[in-house]
Amino acid sequence: MLHKLRLAINGKIPPWAKEGYLKCREFNASSRALPDFLIIGAQKAGTTSLFNYLCLHPQITGSMPKEVMFFTAQFSRGVDWYQRHFPLRSTLARNKALCGEATPTYLYSLQAPEHVASITPAAKLIIVMREPAARAVSHYYHEKRCGLEKRPINEVFSESEIERWRNGDCPDLPAKFYFKWGDYASALEQWLSVFSRDQLLLIDSADFFKNSEKNFESVCDFLEIQKCGLLTEKAFNAGSHKEKPIAFGSMKAAFSSQNQRLRKLGFSANWC
């Protein structure tokens, strides 16, 4: 019910109201659950859509808000602060339900795998991966909409910048992560050094949206919840810009070594 309300108002809850609501939940934080699953990435790959699809499932309750960022930016606040974002354990038990959150920057964090293992080691981890060049362009437009990127797209993704990436020099650090966050293999290796492979579900973003029902059933199987049809196939938080950089073809090719490593880790897609 709460999640349907959030969708109805398009998630536009004033920050002061959100913080006040969460503050009230701190008094019984120790009675609240820790997440059964985490959608840890990738950014601009469809994590908002997957989170919303799951939250409409009768056996799933999502965190408030979707991105808690505990295992990256807020870990020092402690477990009680984290638990305030989740439902009561008694409520989940009564409904035979699970809870989870979706913070797509967890995937790239050096600290997050160890942090997650120390707090909720049995959690199931879901990673949605999008073709890296397309993800980078979508990320660029996201930054543009937020007023955080002023450069024209063909400057950011020029042949010279792409060549730097191909030669092992990441051109967008430390301020931006357009290229770096498309290196899924390095990120996945970090998580596999801490968690077993059977705790991770890897999803191809393009296939997920093309075959939503089938892929959603696979997610339900992974989480061991009842299969139920999608209540919506709307793509949430999708950008509207379609223009690609002139060097987009070169950009796609520049991720070939990272994609080869990703295949060796057991992931396959038509771009990998």
Protein backbone atom coordinates (compact mmCIF):
# COMPACT_ATOMS: atom_id res chain seq x y z
CA MET A 1 0.00 0.00 0.00
CA LEU A 2 2.78 2.45 0.94
CA HIS A 3 4.67 1.75 -2.26
CA LYS A 4 1.56 2.25 -4.40
CA LEU A 5 1.16 5.65 -2.73
CA ARG A 6 4.76 6.51 -3.53
CA LEU A 7 4.22 5.59 -7.18
CA ALA A 8 0.99 7.58 -7.32
CA ILE A 9 2.78 10.75 -6.23
CA ASN A 10 5.80 9.89 -8.38
CA GLY A 11 8.07 9.65 -5.35
CA LYS A 12 7.89 13.40 -4.76
CA ILE A 13 7.85 13.39 -0.97
CA PRO A 14 9.35 16.54 0.58
CA PRO A 15 12.73 15.74 2.23
CA TRP A 16 11.57 17.11 5.59
CA ALA A 17 8.50 14.86 5.54
CA LYS A 18 10.56 11.82 4.59
CA GLU A 19 13.12 12.45 7.33
CA GLY A 20 10.40 13.07 9.92
CA TYR A 21 8.71 9.80 9.01
CA LEU A 22 11.96 7.86 9.23
CA LYS A 23 12.88 9.54 12.52
CA CYS A 24 9.64 8.25 14.05
CA ARG A 25 10.62 4.73 13.04
CA GLU A 26 13.90 4.87 14.95
CA PHE A 27 12.21 4.23 18.31
CA ASN A 28 11.54 0.61 17.31
CA ALA A 29 14.43 0.19 14.86
CA SER A 30 15.74 -2.90 16.66
CA SER A 31 12.43 -4.64 15.89
CA ARG A 32 12.76 -3.88 12.22
CA ALA A 33 14.19 -6.20 9.59
CA LEU A 34 17.46 -6.18 7.74
CA PRO A 35 17.18 -6.66 3.97
CA ASP A 36 16.77 -10.10 2.46
CA PHE A 37 17.97 -8.81 -0.89
CA LEU A 38 19.90 -5.88 -2.32
CA ILE A 39 19.79 -4.57 -5.87
CA ILE A 40 23.38 -3.33 -5.98
CA GLY A 41 23.66 -2.02 -9.55
CA ALA A 42 24.25 -0.97 -12.13
CA GLN A 43 23.47 2.71 -12.23
CA LYS A 44 21.26 3.69 -15.23
CA ALA A 45 20.56 0.04 -16.04
CA GLY A 46 16.97 -0.35 -14.84
CA THR A 47 17.31 -0.75 -11.07
CA THR A 48 14.42 1.64 -10.35
CA SER A 49 12.10 -0.34 -12.59
CA LEU A 50 13.09 -3.67 -11.06
CA PHE A 51 12.71 -2.29 -7.53
CA ASN A 52 9.24 -0.97 -8.31
CA TYR A 53 8.19 -4.22 -9.98
CA LEU A 54 9.30 -6.14 -6.90
CA CYS A 55 7.60 -3.77 -4.49
CA LEU A 56 4.29 -4.40 -6.23
CA HIS A 57 4.66 -8.11 -5.49
CA PRO A 58 2.53 -9.12 -2.46
CA GLN A 59 5.50 -10.81 -0.78
CA ILE A 60 7.91 -7.88 -1.08
CA THR A 61 8.23 -4.70 0.94
CA GLY A 62 10.77 -2.18 -0.27
CA SER A 63 12.88 0.18 1.77
CA MET A 64 11.91 3.80 2.29
CA PRO A 65 13.50 5.33 0.23
CA LYS A 66 14.67 3.05 -2.59
CA GLU A 67 18.34 4.11 -2.28
CA VAL A 68 19.45 4.01 1.35
CA MET A 69 23.19 4.26 0.53
CA PHE A 70 24.03 2.76 3.92
CA PHE A 71 26.90 0.52 2.84
CA THR A 72 28.65 3.37 1.03
CA ALA A 73 27.93 6.83 2.45
CA GLN A 74 26.07 6.14 5.72
CA PHE A 75 27.73 3.11 7.32
CA SER A 76 29.02 5.12 10.28
CA ARG A 77 25.41 5.86 11.34
CA GLY A 78 25.02 2.31 12.58
CA VAL A 79 22.61 -0.56 12.16
CA ASP A 80 19.66 1.06 13.98
CA TRP A 81 19.74 3.94 11.51
CA TYR A 82 19.72 1.42 8.66
CA GLN A 83 16.88 -0.66 10.08
CA ARG A 84 14.55 2.33 10.32
CA HIS A 85 14.20 2.12 6.54
CA PHE A 86 12.64 -1.36 6.66
CA PRO A 87 9.39 -2.92 7.94
CA LEU A 88 8.92 -4.67 11.27
CA ARG A 89 10.10 -8.27 11.36
CA SER A 90 6.71 -9.28 12.79
CA THR A 91 4.92 -7.76 9.81
CA LEU A 92 7.14 -9.62 7.34
CA ALA A 93 6.65 -12.89 9.24
CA ARG A 94 2.88 -12.46 9.30
CA ASN A 95 2.78 -11.83 5.55
CA LYS A 96 5.51 -14.36 4.71
CA ALA A 97 7.27 -11.51 2.95
CA LEU A 98 10.78 -10.29 2.23
CA CYS A 99 12.27 -6.81 2.18
CA GLY A 100 15.08 -5.18 0.28
CA GLU A 101 16.56 -2.00 -1.09
CA ALA A 102 18.23 -0.80 -4.27
CA THR A 103 21.34 1.38 -4.20
CA PRO A 104 23.05 1.02 -7.58
CA THR A 105 26.33 2.57 -6.49
CA TYR A 106 26.98 -0.34 -4.11
CA LEU A 107 28.26 -2.30 -7.11
CA TYR A 108 31.31 -0.09 -7.56
CA SER A 109 32.23 0.49 -3.91
CA LEU A 110 35.43 -1.05 -2.56
CA GLN A 111 34.01 -1.08 0.98
CA ALA A 112 30.42 -2.20 0.32
CA PRO A 113 31.03 -5.97 -0.07
CA GLU A 114 32.69 -6.25 3.35
CA HIS A 115 30.13 -3.92 4.91
CA VAL A 116 27.22 -5.96 3.57
CA ALA A 117 28.83 -9.22 4.70
CA SER A 118 29.24 -7.85 8.22
CA ILE A 119 25.59 -6.80 8.57
CA THR A 120 23.50 -9.14 6.42
CA PRO A 121 25.75 -11.94 5.11
CA ALA A 122 22.89 -14.11 3.81
CA ALA A 123 21.40 -11.37 1.62
CA LYS A 124 20.76 -12.15 -2.02
CA LEU A 125 22.34 -9.71 -4.45
CA ILE A 126 20.88 -8.65 -7.79
CA ILE A 127 22.89 -6.88 -10.49
CA VAL A 128 21.33 -5.45 -13.64
CA MET A 129 23.92 -4.68 -16.30
CA ARG A 130 23.45 -2.56 -19.39
CA GLU A 131 25.70 -2.35 -22.45
CA PRO A 132 28.49 -0.10 -21.07
CA ALA A 133 28.53 2.57 -23.79
CA ALA A 134 24.74 3.00 -23.65
CA ARG A 135 24.91 3.12 -19.86
CA ALA A 136 27.58 5.83 -20.01
CA VAL A 137 25.51 7.98 -22.38
CA SER A 138 22.44 7.62 -20.15
CA HIS A 139 24.59 8.53 -17.15
CA TYR A 140 25.80 11.63 -18.99
CA TYR A 141 22.24 12.81 -19.64
CA HIS A 142 21.31 12.09 -16.02
CA GLU A 143 24.13 14.37 -14.87
CA LYS A 144 23.03 16.94 -17.44
CA ARG A 145 19.46 16.94 -16.10
CA CYS A 146 20.79 17.39 -12.57
CA GLY A 147 22.88 20.39 -13.66
CA LEU A 148 26.12 18.55 -12.87
CA GLU A 149 27.46 18.30 -16.42
CA LYS A 150 28.08 21.30 -18.68
CA ARG A 151 30.29 19.79 -21.37
CA PRO A 152 28.84 18.80 -24.77
CA ILE A 153 28.46 15.07 -25.29
CA ASN A 154 31.03 14.87 -28.08
CA GLU A 155 33.65 16.43 -25.82
CA VAL A 156 33.00 13.96 -23.01
CA PHE A 157 33.03 10.96 -25.36
CA SER A 158 35.58 12.12 -27.91
CA GLU A 159 37.88 9.72 -29.76
CA SER A 160 40.81 10.93 -27.65
CA GLU A 161 38.97 10.27 -24.36
CA ILE A 162 37.87 6.85 -25.61
CA GLU A 163 41.45 6.04 -26.57
CA ARG A 164 42.58 6.91 -23.05
CA TRP A 165 40.07 4.41 -21.67
CA ARG A 166 41.16 1.77 -24.17
CA ASN A 167 44.75 2.24 -23.00
CA GLY A 168 43.88 1.77 -19.33
CA ASP A 169 43.63 5.44 -18.31
CA CYS A 170 40.18 6.30 -16.98
CA PRO A 171 39.38 9.80 -18.32
CA ASP A 172 36.40 10.64 -16.12
CA LEU A 173 37.87 10.18 -12.64
CA PRO A 174 37.68 11.51 -9.98
CA ALA A 175 34.66 13.71 -10.73
CA LYS A 176 32.69 11.50 -13.11
CA PHE A 177 32.29 7.77 -13.63
CA TYR A 178 30.92 7.41 -17.15
CA PHE A 179 33.60 4.96 -18.24
CA LYS A 180 34.57 3.47 -14.89
CA TRP A 181 31.05 2.35 -14.00
CA GLY A 182 30.85 0.34 -17.21
CA ASP A 183 33.68 -1.90 -16.02
CA TYR A 184 31.36 -4.48 -14.52
CA ALA A 185 34.01 -7.21 -14.39
CA SER A 186 36.18 -5.37 -11.86
CA ALA A 187 33.15 -4.56 -9.74
CA LEU A 188 31.83 -8.11 -9.87
CA GLU A 189 35.21 -9.54 -8.90
CA GLN A 190 35.09 -7.51 -5.69
CA TRP A 191 31.71 -8.96 -4.73
CA LEU A 192 32.69 -12.51 -5.65
CA SER A 193 35.70 -12.25 -3.36
CA VAL A 194 33.26 -11.94 -0.43
CA PHE A 195 30.01 -13.64 -1.53
CA SER A 196 29.36 -17.00 -3.16
CA ARG A 197 28.26 -17.04 -6.79
CA ASP A 198 24.86 -18.53 -5.89
CA GLN A 199 24.04 -15.40 -3.87
CA LEU A 200 24.24 -13.25 -7.01
CA LEU A 201 21.73 -12.92 -9.82
CA LEU A 202 23.08 -11.24 -12.96
CA ILE A 203 20.56 -9.71 -15.37
CA ASP A 204 21.02 -8.20 -18.82
CA SER A 205 19.12 -4.91 -18.83
CA ALA A 206 18.09 -5.05 -22.51
CA ASP A 207 16.75 -8.58 -22.19
CA PHE A 208 15.00 -7.70 -18.94
CA PHE A 209 12.92 -5.00 -20.63
CA LYS A 210 12.40 -7.02 -23.80
CA ASN A 211 11.18 -10.11 -21.91
CA SER A 212 9.94 -8.56 -18.69
CA GLU A 213 7.57 -11.32 -17.59
CA LYS A 214 10.07 -14.12 -18.12
CA ASN A 215 12.90 -12.26 -16.39
CA PHE A 216 10.69 -11.21 -13.50
CA GLU A 217 9.81 -14.88 -12.95
CA SER A 218 13.54 -15.62 -12.77
CA VAL A 219 13.92 -12.94 -10.10
CA CYS A 220 11.03 -14.47 -8.15
CA ASP A 221 12.67 -17.90 -8.38
CA PHE A 222 15.96 -16.44 -7.15
CA LEU A 223 14.25 -14.81 -4.17
CA GLU A 224 12.13 -17.94 -3.58
CA ILE A 225 8.82 -16.11 -3.68
CA GLN A 226 5.66 -16.94 -5.56
CA LYS A 227 5.62 -16.11 -9.25
CA CYS A 228 3.08 -13.47 -10.12
CA GLY A 229 2.50 -11.44 -13.23
CA LEU A 230 3.87 -7.94 -13.52
CA LEU A 231 1.34 -5.28 -12.56
CA THR A 232 3.09 -2.81 -14.85
CA GLU A 233 5.84 -2.89 -17.48
CA LYS A 234 6.46 0.83 -17.27
CA ALA A 235 10.14 1.80 -17.42
CA PHE A 236 10.76 3.98 -14.37
CA ASN A 237 13.33 6.79 -14.26
CA ALA A 238 14.07 6.37 -17.96
CA GLY A 239 15.77 9.24 -19.74
CA SER A 240 14.30 10.78 -22.89
CA HIS A 241 17.47 11.87 -24.71
CA LYS A 242 18.27 9.78 -27.78
CA GLU A 243 21.30 11.57 -29.24
CA LYS A 244 24.46 9.48 -29.11
CA PRO A 245 28.01 10.78 -29.41
CA ILE A 246 29.61 10.71 -32.85
CA ALA A 247 32.19 8.21 -31.58
CA PHE A 248 29.61 5.85 -30.07
CA GLY A 249 30.83 2.90 -32.17
CA SER A 250 34.39 3.38 -30.95
CA MET A 251 33.09 3.71 -27.43
CA LYS A 252 31.33 0.35 -27.56
CA ALA A 253 34.47 -1.32 -28.90
CA ALA A 254 36.60 0.23 -26.17
CA PHE A 255 34.86 -1.91 -23.52
CA SER A 256 35.77 -5.20 -25.26
CA SER A 257 38.45 -6.27 -22.77
CA GLN A 258 36.19 -5.60 -19.79
CA ASN A 259 33.34 -7.47 -21.46
CA GLN A 260 35.59 -10.46 -22.18
CA ARG A 261 36.49 -10.64 -18.49
CA LEU A 262 32.80 -10.42 -17.65
CA ARG A 263 32.06 -13.45 -19.83
CA LYS A 264 34.70 -15.41 -17.95
CA LEU A 265 32.82 -14.61 -14.74
CA GLY A 266 29.73 -16.33 -16.11
CA PHE A 267 27.70 -13.47 -17.60
CA SER A 268 26.47 -13.49 -21.19
CA ALA A 269 24.55 -10.96 -23.28
CA ASN A 270 24.46 -10.01 -26.94
CA TRP A 271 26.84 -7.12 -26.19
CA CYS A 272 29.23 -9.13 -24.04
